[in-house]
C-alpha atoms as a PDB file:
ATOM      1  CA  MET A   1       0.000   0.000   0.000  1.00  0.00           C
ATOM      2  CA  VAL A   2       2.801   2.401   0.874  1.00  0.00           C
ATOM      3  CA  ALA A   3       4.641   1.556  -2.357  1.00  0.00           C
ATOM      4  CA  LEU A   4       1.485   2.216  -4.404  1.00  0.00           C
ATOM      5  CA  TYR A   5       0.994   5.524  -2.621  1.00  0.00           C
ATOM      6  CA  ASP A   6       4.626   6.436  -3.361  1.00  0.00           C
ATOM      7  CA  ILE A   7       4.201   5.704  -7.060  1.00  0.00           C
ATOM      8  CA  ILE A   8       1.038   7.807  -7.317  1.00  0.00           C
ATOM      9  CA  TYR A   9       2.535  10.658  -5.300  1.00  0.00           C
ATOM     10  CA  LEU A  10       5.705  10.665  -7.420  1.00  0.00           C
ATOM     11  CA  ALA A  11       3.717  10.565 -10.683  1.00  0.00           C
ATOM     12  CA  VAL A  12       1.519  13.487  -9.622  1.00  0.00           C
ATOM     13  CA  TRP A  13       4.572  15.456  -8.476  1.00  0.00           C
ATOM     14  CA  LEU A  14       6.376  14.906 -11.787  1.00  0.00           C
ATOM     15  CA  ALA A  15       3.262  15.912 -13.750  1.00  0.00           C
ATOM     16  CA  ARG A  16       2.860  19.235 -11.982  1.00  0.00           C
ATOM     17  CA  PRO A  17       4.072  22.247 -13.985  1.00  0.00           C
ATOM     18  CA  GLU A  18       6.152  23.550 -11.083  1.00  0.00           C
ATOM     19  CA  ARG A  19       9.184  25.742 -11.594  1.00  0.00           C
ATOM     20  CA  PRO A  20      11.958  25.062 -11.056  1.00  0.00           C
ATOM     21  CA  ARG A  21      11.599  21.408 -11.988  1.00  0.00           C
ATOM     22  CA  PHE A  22      12.770  18.644  -9.643  1.00  0.00           C
ATOM     23  CA  GLY A  23      12.502  20.611  -6.412  1.00  0.00           C
ATOM     24  CA  ASP A  24      15.634  21.363  -4.436  1.00  0.00           C
ATOM     25  CA  PHE A  25      17.686  19.289  -6.832  1.00  0.00           C
ATOM     26  CA  PHE A  26      17.587  22.311  -9.135  1.00  0.00           C
ATOM     27  CA  ALA A  27      19.635  24.111  -6.487  1.00  0.00           C
ATOM     28  CA  LEU A  28      22.213  21.330  -6.161  1.00  0.00           C
ATOM     29  CA  TRP A  29      22.455  21.040  -9.944  1.00  0.00           C
ATOM     30  CA  SER A  30      22.825  24.817 -10.328  1.00  0.00           C
ATOM     31  CA  PHE A  31      25.660  24.889  -7.779  1.00  0.00           C
ATOM     32  CA  GLY A  32      27.626  22.424  -9.863  1.00  0.00           C
ATOM     33  CA  ALA A  33      26.800  24.270 -13.089  1.00  0.00           C
ATOM     34  CA  PHE A  34      27.987  27.542 -11.547  1.00  0.00           C
ATOM     35  CA  ALA A  35      31.284  25.965 -10.451  1.00  0.00           C
ATOM     36  CA  LEU A  36      31.839  24.639 -13.982  1.00  0.00           C
ATOM     37  CA  THR A  37      31.197  27.944 -15.762  1.00  0.00           C
ATOM     38  CA  ARG A  38      31.856  30.814 -13.328  1.00  0.00           C
ATOM     39  CA  PRO A  39      34.493  31.880 -10.773  1.00  0.00           C
ATOM     40  CA  VAL A  40      33.541  29.611  -7.913  1.00  0.00           C
ATOM     41  CA  THR A  41      33.837  32.278  -5.208  1.00  0.00           C
ATOM     42  CA  GLY A  42      30.737  33.916  -6.709  1.00  0.00           C
ATOM     43  CA  LEU A  43      28.686  31.031  -5.283  1.00  0.00           C
ATOM     44  CA  PHE A  44      28.787  32.717  -1.896  1.00  0.00           C
ATOM     45  CA  ASP A  45      27.095  35.891  -3.162  1.00  0.00           C
ATOM     46  CA  PRO A  46      23.346  35.116  -3.014  1.00  0.00           C
ATOM     47  CA  LEU A  47      22.419  37.721  -5.641  1.00  0.00           C
ATOM     48  CA  THR A  48      25.074  36.566  -8.112  1.00  0.00           C
ATOM     49  CA  LEU A  49      23.973  32.978  -7.650  1.00  0.00           C
ATOM     50  CA  GLN A  50      20.286  33.864  -8.027  1.00  0.00           C
ATOM     51  CA  ARG A  51      20.914  35.701 -11.298  1.00  0.00           C
ATOM     52  CA  PHE A  52      22.800  32.665 -12.609  1.00  0.00           C
ATOM     53  CA  GLN A  53      19.964  30.350 -11.573  1.00  0.00           C
ATOM     54  CA  GLN A  54      17.559  32.570 -13.512  1.00  0.00           C
ATOM     55  CA  THR A  55      19.638  32.006 -16.650  1.00  0.00           C
ATOM     56  CA  LEU A  56      19.057  28.276 -16.174  1.00  0.00           C
ATOM     57  CA  GLU A  57      15.336  28.689 -15.428  1.00  0.00           C
ATOM     58  CA  PRO A  58      13.930  32.083 -16.550  1.00  0.00           C
ATOM     59  CA  THR A  59      10.765  31.687 -14.446  1.00  0.00           C
ATOM     60  CA  PHE A  60      12.782  31.107 -11.278  1.00  0.00           C
ATOM     61  CA  ALA A  61      11.855  33.763  -8.729  1.00  0.00           C
ATOM     62  CA  ALA A  62      12.927  32.174  -5.450  1.00  0.00           C
ATOM     63  CA  ALA A  63      16.388  32.034  -3.886  1.00  0.00           C
ATOM     64  CA  TYR A  64      18.546  28.954  -3.393  1.00  0.00           C
ATOM     65  CA  PRO A  65      21.721  30.183  -1.683  1.00  0.00           C
ATOM     66  CA  PHE A  66      24.778  27.957  -1.351  1.00  0.00           C
ATOM     67  CA  LEU A  67      24.821  27.057   2.361  1.00  0.00           C
ATOM     68  CA  TYR A  68      27.150  24.058   2.179  1.00  0.00           C
ATOM     69  CA  PRO A  69      30.896  23.785   2.773  1.00  0.00           C
ATOM     70  CA  PRO A  70      32.859  24.077  -0.511  1.00  0.00           C
ATOM     71  CA  SER A  71      33.547  20.325  -0.397  1.00  0.00           C
ATOM     72  CA  PHE A  72      29.921  19.719  -1.370  1.00  0.00           C
ATOM     73  CA  LEU A  73      30.885  20.821  -4.880  1.00  0.00           C
ATOM     74  CA  LEU A  74      32.811  17.565  -5.276  1.00  0.00           C
ATOM     75  CA  ILE A  75      29.404  15.853  -5.180  1.00  0.00           C
ATOM     76  CA  ALA A  76      27.308  18.400  -7.075  1.00  0.00           C
ATOM     77  CA  THR A  77      29.622  19.191  -9.992  1.00  0.00           C
ATOM     78  CA  PRO A  78      29.656  15.757 -11.720  1.00  0.00           C
ATOM     79  CA  PHE A  79      25.857  15.828 -12.029  1.00  0.00           C
ATOM     80  CA  ALA A  80      25.909  19.301 -13.589  1.00  0.00           C
ATOM     81  CA  VAL A  81      27.462  17.958 -16.784  1.00  0.00           C
ATOM     82  CA  LEU A  82      24.078  16.346 -17.538  1.00  0.00           C
ATOM     83  CA  PRO A  83      20.762  18.043 -18.356  1.00  0.00           C
ATOM     84  CA  ILE A  84      18.681  18.380 -15.234  1.00  0.00           C
ATOM     85  CA  ALA A  85      16.213  15.527 -15.894  1.00  0.00           C
ATOM     86  CA  PRO A  86      18.798  12.743 -16.386  1.00  0.00           C
ATOM     87  CA  ALA A  87      20.906  14.320 -13.645  1.00  0.00           C
ATOM     88  CA  TRP A  88      17.982  14.031 -11.204  1.00  0.00           C
ATOM     89  CA  LEU A  89      17.393  10.417 -12.240  1.00  0.00           C
ATOM     90  CA  ALA A  90      21.082   9.569 -11.763  1.00  0.00           C
ATOM     91  CA  TRP A  91      21.215  11.417  -8.428  1.00  0.00           C
ATOM     92  CA  SER A  92      18.121   9.631  -7.131  1.00  0.00           C
ATOM     93  CA  ALA A  93      19.203   6.181  -8.301  1.00  0.00           C
ATOM     94  CA  ILE A  94      22.765   6.460  -6.995  1.00  0.00           C
ATOM     95  CA  SER A  95      21.882   7.939  -3.607  1.00  0.00           C
ATOM     96  CA  LEU A  96      18.992   5.505  -3.067  1.00  0.00           C
ATOM     97  CA  GLY A  97      21.185   2.567  -4.115  1.00  0.00           C
ATOM     98  CA  LEU A  98      23.984   3.582  -1.756  1.00  0.00           C
ATOM     99  CA  TYR A  99      21.469   4.055   1.055  1.00  0.00           C
ATOM    100  CA  VAL A 100      20.006   0.571   0.663  1.00  0.00           C
ATOM    101  CA  ALA A 101      23.493  -0.944   0.334  1.00  0.00           C
ATOM    102  CA  ALA A 102      24.673   0.809   3.504  1.00  0.00           C
ATOM    103  CA  VAL A 103      21.770  -0.523   5.593  1.00  0.00           C
ATOM    104  CA  VAL A 104      21.120  -4.027   4.248  1.00  0.00           C
ATOM    105  CA  GLY A 105      24.140  -4.744   2.036  1.00  0.00           C
ATOM    106  CA  ARG A 106      23.648  -7.660  -0.320  1.00  0.00           C
ATOM    107  CA  ARG A 107      20.213  -8.367   1.146  1.00  0.00           C
ATOM    108  CA  TRP A 108      18.653  -5.562  -0.873  1.00  0.00           C
ATOM    109  CA  ARG A 109      15.953  -7.915  -2.193  1.00  0.00           C
ATOM    110  CA  SER A 110      14.797  -8.678   1.348  1.00  0.00           C
ATOM    111  CA  ALA A 111      11.772  -7.212   3.117  1.00  0.00           C
ATOM    112  CA  ALA A 112      14.105  -4.704   4.756  1.00  0.00           C
ATOM    113  CA  GLY A 113      15.409  -3.573   1.375  1.00  0.00           C
ATOM    114  CA  VAL A 114      11.889  -3.067   0.074  1.00  0.00           C
ATOM    115  CA  ALA A 115      10.956  -1.181   3.242  1.00  0.00           C
ATOM    116  CA  LEU A 116      13.849   1.226   2.712  1.00  0.00           C
ATOM    117  CA  LEU A 117      12.842   1.844  -0.890  1.00  0.00           C
ATOM    118  CA  VAL A 118       9.194   2.637  -0.086  1.00  0.00           C
ATOM    119  CA  ALA A 119       9.715   4.405   3.247  1.00  0.00           C
ATOM    120  CA  PRO A 120       8.032   7.838   3.320  1.00  0.00           C
ATOM    121  CA  THR A 121      11.341   9.451   4.265  1.00  0.00           C
ATOM    122  CA  SER A 122      12.939   7.987   1.124  1.00  0.00           C
ATOM    123  CA  LEU A 123      10.153   9.393  -1.052  1.00  0.00           C
ATOM    124  CA  LEU A 124      10.466  12.805   0.599  1.00  0.00           C
ATOM    125  CA  CYS A 125      14.166  12.831  -0.185  1.00  0.00           C
ATOM    126  CA  VAL A 126      13.633  11.790  -3.809  1.00  0.00           C
ATOM    127  CA  ILE A 127      10.951  14.387  -4.530  1.00  0.00           C
ATOM    128  CA  GLY A 128      12.998  17.004  -2.701  1.00  0.00           C
ATOM    129  CA  GLY A 129      16.093  16.051  -4.680  1.00  0.00           C
ATOM    130  CA  GLN A 130      18.051  16.523  -1.495  1.00  0.00           C
ATOM    131  CA  SER A 131      21.152  14.823  -0.074  1.00  0.00           C
ATOM    132  CA  GLY A 132      19.514  13.016   2.855  1.00  0.00           C
ATOM    133  CA  LEU A 133      19.893   9.550   1.328  1.00  0.00           C
ATOM    134  CA  LEU A 134      23.562  10.102   0.548  1.00  0.00           C
ATOM    135  CA  VAL A 135      24.299  11.465   4.029  1.00  0.00           C
ATOM    136  CA  ALA A 136      22.452   8.503   5.572  1.00  0.00           C
ATOM    137  CA  ALA A 137      24.492   6.104   3.428  1.00  0.00           C
ATOM    138  CA  LEU A 138      27.762   7.653   4.629  1.00  0.00           C
ATOM    139  CA  MET A 139      26.773   7.680   8.296  1.00  0.00           C
ATOM    140  CA  LEU A 140      25.099   4.280   8.506  1.00  0.00           C
ATOM    141  CA  GLY A 141      27.595   2.612   6.190  1.00  0.00           C
ATOM    142  CA  GLY A 142      30.468   4.061   8.170  1.00  0.00           C
ATOM    143  CA  LEU A 143      29.039   3.049  11.528  1.00  0.00           C
ATOM    144  CA  ARG A 144      28.188  -0.487  10.370  1.00  0.00           C
ATOM    145  CA  SER A 145      31.747  -0.919   9.059  1.00  0.00           C
ATOM    146  CA  LEU A 146      33.437   0.051  12.333  1.00  0.00           C
ATOM    147  CA  PRO A 147      33.515  -3.349  14.128  1.00  0.00           C
ATOM    148  CA  LEU A 148      35.283  -5.210  11.299  1.00  0.00           C
ATOM    149  CA  ARG A 149      36.719  -2.436   9.097  1.00  0.00           C
ATOM    150  CA  PRO A 150      37.457   0.582  11.312  1.00  0.00           C
ATOM    151  CA  TRP A 151      39.636   2.310   8.714  1.00  0.00           C
ATOM    152  CA  LEU A 152      36.923   2.087   6.053  1.00  0.00           C
ATOM    153  CA  GLY A 153      34.210   3.089   8.528  1.00  0.00           C
ATOM    154  CA  GLY A 154      36.187   6.072   9.747  1.00  0.00           C
ATOM    155  CA  ALA A 155      36.935   7.183   6.193  1.00  0.00           C
ATOM    156  CA  LEU A 156      33.216   7.142   5.334  1.00  0.00           C
ATOM    157  CA  LEU A 157      32.380   9.113   8.467  1.00  0.00           C
ATOM    158  CA  GLY A 158      35.041  11.676   7.581  1.00  0.00           C
ATOM    159  CA  LEU A 159      33.177  12.369   4.336  1.00  0.00           C
ATOM    160  CA  LEU A 160      30.272  13.722   6.401  1.00  0.00           C
ATOM    161  CA  THR A 161      32.139  17.028   6.536  1.00  0.00           C
ATOM    162  CA  VAL A 162      30.089  17.857   3.406  1.00  0.00           C
ATOM    163  CA  LYS A 163      27.150  18.288   5.843  1.00  0.00           C
ATOM    164  CA  PRO A 164      28.946  18.777   9.156  1.00  0.00           C
ATOM    165  CA  GLN A 165      25.859  19.273  11.345  1.00  0.00           C
ATOM    166  CA  PHE A 166      25.215  15.524  11.156  1.00  0.00           C
ATOM    167  CA  GLY A 167      28.655  14.716  12.503  1.00  0.00           C
ATOM    168  CA  LEU A 168      28.245  16.639  15.769  1.00  0.00           C
ATOM    169  CA  LEU A 169      27.955  13.525  17.933  1.00  0.00           C
ATOM    170  CA  LEU A 170      30.366  11.276  16.027  1.00  0.00           C
ATOM    171  CA  PRO A 171      33.396  12.221  18.196  1.00  0.00           C
ATOM    172  CA  VAL A 172      31.388  11.291  21.299  1.00  0.00           C
ATOM    173  CA  ALA A 173      30.375   7.944  19.782  1.00  0.00           C
ATOM    174  CA  LEU A 174      33.848   7.034  18.513  1.00  0.00           C
ATOM    175  CA  VAL A 175      35.630   7.949  21.748  1.00  0.00           C
ATOM    176  CA  ALA A 176      33.026   6.099  23.839  1.00  0.00           C
ATOM    177  CA  ALA A 177      33.503   2.973  21.705  1.00  0.00           C
ATOM    178  CA  GLY A 178      37.301   3.270  21.751  1.00  0.00           C
ATOM    179  CA  GLN A 179      37.428   3.456  17.952  1.00  0.00           C
ATOM    180  CA  TRP A 180      40.822   5.157  17.758  1.00  0.00           C
ATOM    181  CA  ARG A 181      41.714   3.851  14.297  1.00  0.00           C
ATOM    182  CA  ALA A 182      38.354   5.083  13.013  1.00  0.00           C
ATOM    183  CA  ILE A 183      39.022   8.513  14.521  1.00  0.00           C
ATOM    184  CA  ALA A 184      42.365   8.659  12.694  1.00  0.00           C
ATOM    185  CA  ALA A 185      40.741   7.520   9.446  1.00  0.00           C
ATOM    186  CA  ALA A 186      37.963  10.098   9.773  1.00  0.00           C
ATOM    187  CA  ALA A 187      40.489  12.879  10.328  1.00  0.00           C
ATOM    188  CA  LEU A 188      42.564  11.800   7.324  1.00  0.00           C
ATOM    189  CA  SER A 189      39.428  11.504   5.179  1.00  0.00           C
ATOM    190  CA  ALA A 190      38.236  14.990   6.138  1.00  0.00           C
ATOM    191  CA  ILE A 191      41.672  16.453   5.357  1.00  0.00           C
ATOM    192  CA  ALA A 192      41.743  14.653   2.013  1.00  0.00           C
ATOM    193  CA  VAL A 193      38.337  16.081   1.102  1.00  0.00           C
ATOM    194  CA  ALA A 194      39.466  19.607   2.013  1.00  0.00           C
ATOM    195  CA  VAL A 195      42.642  19.228  -0.056  1.00  0.00           C
ATOM    196  CA  ALA A 196      40.737  17.773  -3.026  1.00  0.00           C
ATOM    197  CA  THR A 197      38.321  20.719  -2.884  1.00  0.00           C
ATOM    198  CA  GLY A 198      41.183  23.211  -2.905  1.00  0.00           C
ATOM    199  CA  LEU A 199      42.902  21.468  -5.815  1.00  0.00           C
ATOM    200  CA  ALA A 200      39.682  21.227  -7.838  1.00  0.00           C
ATOM    201  CA  PHE A 201      38.230  24.697  -7.255  1.00  0.00           C
ATOM    202  CA  GLY A 202      41.103  26.818  -5.971  1.00  0.00           C
ATOM    203  CA  TRP A 203      42.246  27.404  -2.417  1.00  0.00           C
ATOM    204  CA  GLU A 204      40.492  30.773  -2.274  1.00  0.00           C
ATOM    205  CA  VAL A 205      37.168  28.943  -2.109  1.00  0.00           C
ATOM    206  CA  TRP A 206      37.771  28.146   1.551  1.00  0.00           C
ATOM    207  CA  ALA A 207      38.486  31.776   2.430  1.00  0.00           C
ATOM    208  CA  ALA A 208      35.377  32.882   0.541  1.00  0.00           C
ATOM    209  CA  TRP A 209      33.287  30.322   2.442  1.00  0.00           C
ATOM    210  CA  LEU A 210      34.576  31.540   5.813  1.00  0.00           C
ATOM    211  CA  ASP A 211      33.859  35.152   4.856  1.00  0.00           C
ATOM    212  CA  ALA A 212      30.307  34.181   3.831  1.00  0.00           C
ATOM    213  CA  LEU A 213      29.428  32.339   7.058  1.00  0.00           C
ATOM    214  CA  PRO A 214      27.884  35.396   8.807  1.00  0.00           C
ATOM    215  CA  VAL A 215      25.781  36.165   5.708  1.00  0.00           C
ATOM    216  CA  ASN A 216      24.595  32.568   5.448  1.00  0.00           C
ATOM    217  CA  LEU A 217      23.705  32.464   9.141  1.00  0.00           C
ATOM    218  CA  ASP A 218      21.684  35.650   8.719  1.00  0.00           C
ATOM    219  CA  LEU A 219      19.860  34.122   5.718  1.00  0.00           C
ATOM    220  CA  VAL A 220      18.976  31.033   7.734  1.00  0.00           C
ATOM    221  CA  LEU A 221      17.673  33.061  10.671  1.00  0.00           C
ATOM    222  CA  ARG A 222      15.623  35.423   8.487  1.00  0.00           C
ATOM    223  CA  ASN A 223      13.953  32.526   6.679  1.00  0.00           C
ATOM    224  CA  ARG A 224      13.086  30.430   9.730  1.00  0.00           C
ATOM    225  CA  ALA A 225       9.390  31.197   9.397  1.00  0.00           C
ATOM    226  CA  VAL A 226       9.353  29.697   5.887  1.00  0.00           C
ATOM    227  CA  VAL A 227      11.118  26.406   6.642  1.00  0.00           C
ATOM    228  CA  ALA A 228      10.559  25.783  10.367  1.00  0.00           C
ATOM    229  CA  ARG A 229       7.496  23.589   9.827  1.00  0.00           C
ATOM    230  CA  ILE A 230       9.547  21.023   7.856  1.00  0.00           C
ATOM    231  CA  ALA A 231      12.424  21.029  10.349  1.00  0.00           C
ATOM    232  CA  PRO A 232      12.124  18.155  12.882  1.00  0.00           C
ATOM    233  CA  THR A 233      14.477  19.838  15.345  1.00  0.00           C
ATOM    234  CA  VAL A 234      14.165  21.317  18.818  1.00  0.00           C
ATOM    235  CA  GLY A 235      15.164  24.807  17.697  1.00  0.00           C
ATOM    236  CA  ALA A 236      12.591  24.905  14.893  1.00  0.00           C
ATOM    237  CA  GLY A 237       9.837  23.668  17.188  1.00  0.00           C
ATOM    238  CA  LEU A 238      10.589  26.273  19.825  1.00  0.00           C
ATOM    239  CA  PHE A 239      10.602  28.985  17.160  1.00  0.00           C
ATOM    240  CA  GLN A 240       7.143  27.894  15.963  1.00  0.00           C
ATOM    241  CA  LEU A 241       5.868  28.079  19.530  1.00  0.00           C
ATOM    242  CA  GLY A 242       7.177  31.639  19.879  1.00  0.00           C
ATOM    243  CA  VAL A 243       9.818  30.904  22.525  1.00  0.00           C
ATOM    244  CA  PRO A 244      12.301  33.820  22.820  1.00  0.00           C
ATOM    245  CA  ASP A 245      15.641  33.197  21.115  1.00  0.00           C
ATOM    246  CA  GLY A 246      17.713  33.310  24.299  1.00  0.00           C
ATOM    247  CA  ILE A 247      15.570  30.709  26.044  1.00  0.00           C
ATOM    248  CA  ALA A 248      15.384  28.617  22.871  1.00  0.00           C
ATOM    249  CA  ARG A 249      19.197  28.553  22.581  1.00  0.00           C
ATOM    250  CA  ALA A 250      19.508  27.463  26.206  1.00  0.00           C
ATOM    251  CA  ILE A 251      16.991  24.644  25.705  1.00  0.00           C
ATOM    252  CA  GLN A 252      18.725  23.597  22.474  1.00  0.00           C
ATOM    253  CA  ALA A 253      22.065  23.468  24.284  1.00  0.00           C
ATOM    254  CA  ALA A 254      20.550  21.361  27.077  1.00  0.00           C
ATOM    255  CA  MET A 255      19.059  18.948  24.539  1.00  0.00           C
ATOM    256  CA  ALA A 256      22.402  18.707  22.731  1.00  0.00           C
ATOM    257  CA  LEU A 257      24.068  17.798  26.025  1.00  0.00           C
ATOM    258  CA  ALA A 258      21.406  15.182  26.771  1.00  0.00           C
ATOM    259  CA  ALA A 259      21.846  13.761  23.261  1.00  0.00           C
ATOM    260  CA  ALA A 260      25.608  13.532  23.802  1.00  0.00           C
ATOM    261  CA  VAL A 261      25.098  11.699  27.116  1.00  0.00           C
ATOM    262  CA  ALA A 262      22.682   9.239  25.487  1.00  0.00           C
ATOM    263  CA  THR A 263      25.161   8.643  22.659  1.00  0.00           C
ATOM    264  CA  TRP A 264      27.990   8.041  25.145  1.00  0.00           C
ATOM    265  CA  ARG A 265      25.902   5.523  27.069  1.00  0.00           C
ATOM    266  CA  ALA A 266      24.871   3.719  23.904  1.00  0.00           C
ATOM    267  CA  PHE A 267      28.418   3.326  22.530  1.00  0.00           C
ATOM    268  CA  ARG A 268      30.164   2.418  25.782  1.00  0.00           C
ATOM    269  CA  THR A 269      29.509  -1.273  25.097  1.00  0.00           C
ATOM    270  CA  GLY A 270      30.418  -1.135  21.418  1.00  0.00           C
ATOM    271  CA  VAL A 271      29.022  -0.303  18.005  1.00  0.00           C
ATOM    272  CA  THR A 272      25.713  -2.182  17.982  1.00  0.00           C
ATOM    273  CA  PRO A 273      22.471  -1.658  16.045  1.00  0.00           C
ATOM    274  CA  ALA A 274      20.967  -0.147  19.204  1.00  0.00           C
ATOM    275  CA  ALA A 275      23.865   2.296  19.538  1.00  0.00           C
ATOM    276  CA  ILE A 276      23.605   3.271  15.867  1.00  0.00           C
ATOM    277  CA  ALA A 277      19.865   3.898  16.281  1.00  0.00           C
ATOM    278  CA  VAL A 278      20.461   6.095  19.336  1.00  0.00           C
ATOM    279  CA  LEU A 279      23.077   8.167  17.507  1.00  0.00           C
ATOM    280  CA  ALA A 280      20.902   8.564  14.405  1.00  0.00           C
ATOM    281  CA  MET A 281      18.041   9.922  16.508  1.00  0.00           C
ATOM    282  CA  ALA A 282      20.166  11.918  18.934  1.00  0.00           C
ATOM    283  CA  VAL A 283      21.778  13.965  16.181  1.00  0.00           C
ATOM    284  CA  PHE A 284      18.393  15.544  15.406  1.00  0.00           C
ATOM    285  CA  LEU A 285      18.115  16.606  19.028  1.00  0.00           C
ATOM    286  CA  ALA A 286      21.635  18.029  19.009  1.00  0.00           C
ATOM    287  CA  THR A 287      21.594  20.024  15.774  1.00  0.00           C
ATOM    288  CA  PRO A 288      19.248  22.971  15.203  1.00  0.00           C
ATOM    289  CA  TYR A 289      19.662  22.575  11.434  1.00  0.00           C
ATOM    290  CA  GLY A 290      17.990  19.604   9.781  1.00  0.00           C
ATOM    291  CA  TYR A 291      14.888  18.917   7.712  1.00  0.00           C
ATOM    292  CA  ILE A 292      12.446  16.099   7.053  1.00  0.00           C
ATOM    293  CA  TYR A 293      14.394  15.024   3.977  1.00  0.00           C
ATOM    294  CA  ASP A 294      17.365  14.309   6.280  1.00  0.00           C
ATOM    295  CA  LEU A 295      15.400  11.685   8.239  1.00  0.00           C
ATOM    296  CA  PRO A 296      16.481   8.645   6.142  1.00  0.00           C
ATOM    297  CA  ILE A 297      19.295   8.401   8.698  1.00  0.00           C
ATOM    298  CA  VAL A 298      16.726   7.630  11.387  1.00  0.00           C
ATOM    299  CA  THR A 299      14.604   5.339   9.233  1.00  0.00           C
ATOM    300  CA  GLY A 300      17.605   3.263   8.161  1.00  0.00           C
ATOM    301  CA  ALA A 301      18.979   2.968  11.688  1.00  0.00           C
ATOM    302  CA  LEU A 302      15.640   1.944  13.196  1.00  0.00           C
ATOM    303  CA  LEU A 303      15.032  -0.573  10.435  1.00  0.00           C
ATOM    304  CA  LEU A 304      18.487  -2.038  11.065  1.00  0.00           C
ATOM    305  CA  LEU A 305      17.624  -2.317  14.756  1.00  0.00           C
ATOM    306  CA  ALA A 306      14.215  -3.863  14.062  1.00  0.00           C
ATOM    307  CA  GLU A 307      15.711  -6.430  11.709  1.00  0.00           C
ATOM    308  CA  THR A 308      18.657  -7.532  13.855  1.00  0.00           C
ATOM    309  CA  SER A 309      17.481  -7.212  17.441  1.00  0.00           C
ATOM    310  CA  ARG A 310      13.746  -8.052  17.494  1.00  0.00           C
ATOM    311  CA  PRO A 311      12.957  -4.991  19.630  1.00  0.00           C
ATOM    312  CA  HIS A 312       9.975  -4.503  21.885  1.00  0.00           C
ATOM    313  CA  ARG A 313       6.728  -3.508  20.176  1.00  0.00           C
ATOM    314  CA  ARG A 314       7.052  -0.041  21.718  1.00  0.00           C
ATOM    315  CA  ILE A 315      10.043   0.564  19.435  1.00  0.00           C
ATOM    316  CA  LEU A 316       8.114  -0.677  16.409  1.00  0.00           C
ATOM    317  CA  LEU A 317       5.231   1.685  17.220  1.00  0.00           C
ATOM    318  CA  LEU A 318       7.590   4.647  17.609  1.00  0.00           C
ATOM    319  CA  PHE A 319       9.361   3.575  14.408  1.00  0.00           C
ATOM    320  CA  ALA A 320       6.069   3.688  12.509  1.00  0.00           C
ATOM    321  CA  LEU A 321       5.207   7.125  13.886  1.00  0.00           C
ATOM    322  CA  ILE A 322       8.661   8.537  13.136  1.00  0.00           C
ATOM    323  CA  ALA A 323       8.417   7.197   9.576  1.00  0.00           C
ATOM    324  CA  LEU A 324       4.933   8.593   8.896  1.00  0.00           C
ATOM    325  CA  VAL A 325       4.819  11.915  10.761  1.00  0.00           C
ATOM    326  CA  PRO A 326       7.201  13.753   8.361  1.00  0.00           C
ATOM    327  CA  PHE A 327       4.606  13.413   5.582  1.00  0.00           C
ATOM    328  CA  ALA A 328       2.043  15.156   7.774  1.00  0.00           C
ATOM    329  CA  MET A 329       4.536  17.991   8.374  1.00  0.00           C
ATOM    330  CA  LEU A 330       4.342  18.935   4.694  1.00  0.00           C
ATOM    331  CA  ARG A 331       0.847  20.344   5.268  1.00  0.00           C
ATOM    332  CA  THR A 332       0.474  20.787   9.021  1.00  0.00           C
ATOM    333  CA  PRO A 333       2.761  22.481  11.551  1.00  0.00           C
ATOM    334  CA  LEU A 334       3.632  19.917  14.239  1.00  0.00           C
ATOM    335  CA  PRO A 335       6.158  21.729  16.447  1.00  0.00           C
ATOM    336  CA  LEU A 336       8.321  19.468  18.635  1.00  0.00           C
ATOM    337  CA  LEU A 337       6.368  16.298  17.766  1.00  0.00           C
ATOM    338  CA  VAL A 338       9.273  14.595  15.973  1.00  0.00           C
ATOM    339  CA  PRO A 339      11.863  15.578  18.637  1.00  0.00           C
ATOM    340  CA  ALA A 340       9.491  14.213  21.302  1.00  0.00           C
ATOM    341  CA  LEU A 341       9.125  10.930  19.408  1.00  0.00           C
ATOM    342  CA  LEU A 342      12.890  10.702  18.943  1.00  0.00           C
ATOM    343  CA  ALA A 343      13.545  11.361  22.628  1.00  0.00           C
ATOM    344  CA  ALA A 344      10.998   8.705  23.608  1.00  0.00           C
ATOM    345  CA  ALA A 345      12.531   6.204  21.193  1.00  0.00           C
ATOM    346  CA  ILE A 346      16.049   6.871  22.528  1.00  0.00           C
ATOM    347  CA  PHE A 347      14.822   6.279  26.085  1.00  0.00           C
ATOM    348  CA  VAL A 348      13.076   3.024  25.126  1.00  0.00           C
ATOM    349  CA  VAL A 349      16.099   1.743  23.157  1.00  0.00           C
ATOM    350  CA  LEU A 350      18.458   2.461  26.054  1.00  0.00           C
ATOM    351  CA  GLU A 351      16.114   0.833  28.563  1.00  0.00           C
ATOM    352  CA  GLU A 352      15.627  -2.222  26.342  1.00  0.00           C
ATOM    353  CA  ARG A 353      19.375  -2.479  25.854  1.00  0.00           C
ATOM    354  CA  LYS A 354      19.947  -2.304  29.615  1.00  0.00           C
ATOM    355  CA  ARG A 355      17.415  -5.080  30.160  1.00  0.00           C
ATOM    356  CA  VAL A 356      19.137  -7.312  27.616  1.00  0.00           C
ATOM    357  CA  LEU A 357      22.594  -6.649  29.067  1.00  0.00           C
ATOM    358  CA  PHE A 358      21.701  -7.090  32.715  1.00  0.00           C
END
């Protein structure tokens, strides 16, 4: 039923005469096209970038600023050599394939593989054309590789510097698990990505990015009212409820600390499916910057836990809610509902893990 719904939803979305076509993927594609044809430092000027995007799509009237680290261009640029339609197809197929491979490996034809393909969070990422599936593949693939291949796992985790907000709790997890080789591999991987970016696009791109950080932060803060309803984070929920910024920052900091403590507890006994699930959920409590199309991390981790550990039915119920609620957020403001579900699921996973251990 979910797969049929996905197919209908995707068909209707593709048939709509929306501009720009292919949702946020137009932005990612335009970033790569800009880097191929213009001085790359111009990416960090929102007006320059908007005028370029209008040359690609004359009816484009919105703004898609470049809010990523320069290393994200290593991902976006190869797709910009294609027209946007085949580029979107390639982007969707590759990121979805890597996501399924990271979670279930060679068992992609299993029930778990099908569940990943038809999960609402996967559909949201495909229609948004966003990078949530790719980020989930790097995080979950890296974490799953740690017990047997710590150098490979650490290298994959180091690539998360392309979206650094999702790596906030990785140092806590790796230190708690004693994954020192993975820490070294992650550091080397992150350095290699930074060097490759400088060699490919010029070293000045890093200075331009640092100079643009205050402008980008101001853009994010000024547009909170537009995007807060699709952000399953504590900060976005507090903003929707009208909590003053000072109090909201204090609450966000407290939640980030609680998320770090939960991650530490989960990884103290090793890198297990339960620990991976806790980290995947805790990162959305720790970062103020994340959206519903980033939730494949959570879906994949919970599915991995459900498949390998036969968790209590409370976890399965929370899993179902966490998977379905993001669709409702497209039309209805649900402030703090997803963070509350994530916090409840973390508590239940930790309690269930304690019961099994002791």
